[in-house]
Amino acid sequence: QVQLAESGGGRVQPGDSLSLSCTVSGRTKGIGNLAWFRQAPGKEREFVASIPKNGDTTYYADSVKGRFTISRDNAKNAVFLRMNSLEPEDTAVYYCAASGTIYYSSDFASRDQSYYYWGQGTQVTVSS
């Protein structure tokens, strides 16, 4: 079993920055990609960013490209999401996800069906 726990959510103003963290515990040896998804009220869950096990590439949704940065620390079994220039449209519950496969395809890396393990989510609210 693998457990994921997000932290770092909160309420910020437009233009502010915020960093999210997710710790991975349990049987972490087989973890491939780590990713962030989000779900806004009344909307479907959507892909935000993904990073393969060795961290040599990253994948982003167009809506966050250039503003968000995903990174991971395998020694600490953690994945991070640095969010800059936040907009009200970024308001959502942010979920951390882990796959048992390493994806080097943006198509597969961005599908929620590619991820077996999920955290409980952390709320991010961007409002003035």
Foldseek 3Di string as FASTA:
>chain_A
DKAKAKDWADEEAAQAKTKMKIAIDDPCPQWFKKFKWWDDPPGDIWGAKIATDVRPDIEGDPVQPPFKDWDADVVRRMIMIIGGRDDQVPWTWMKMFIASDHDPDNVLRGDPVRTDYIYPTDTHGYHD
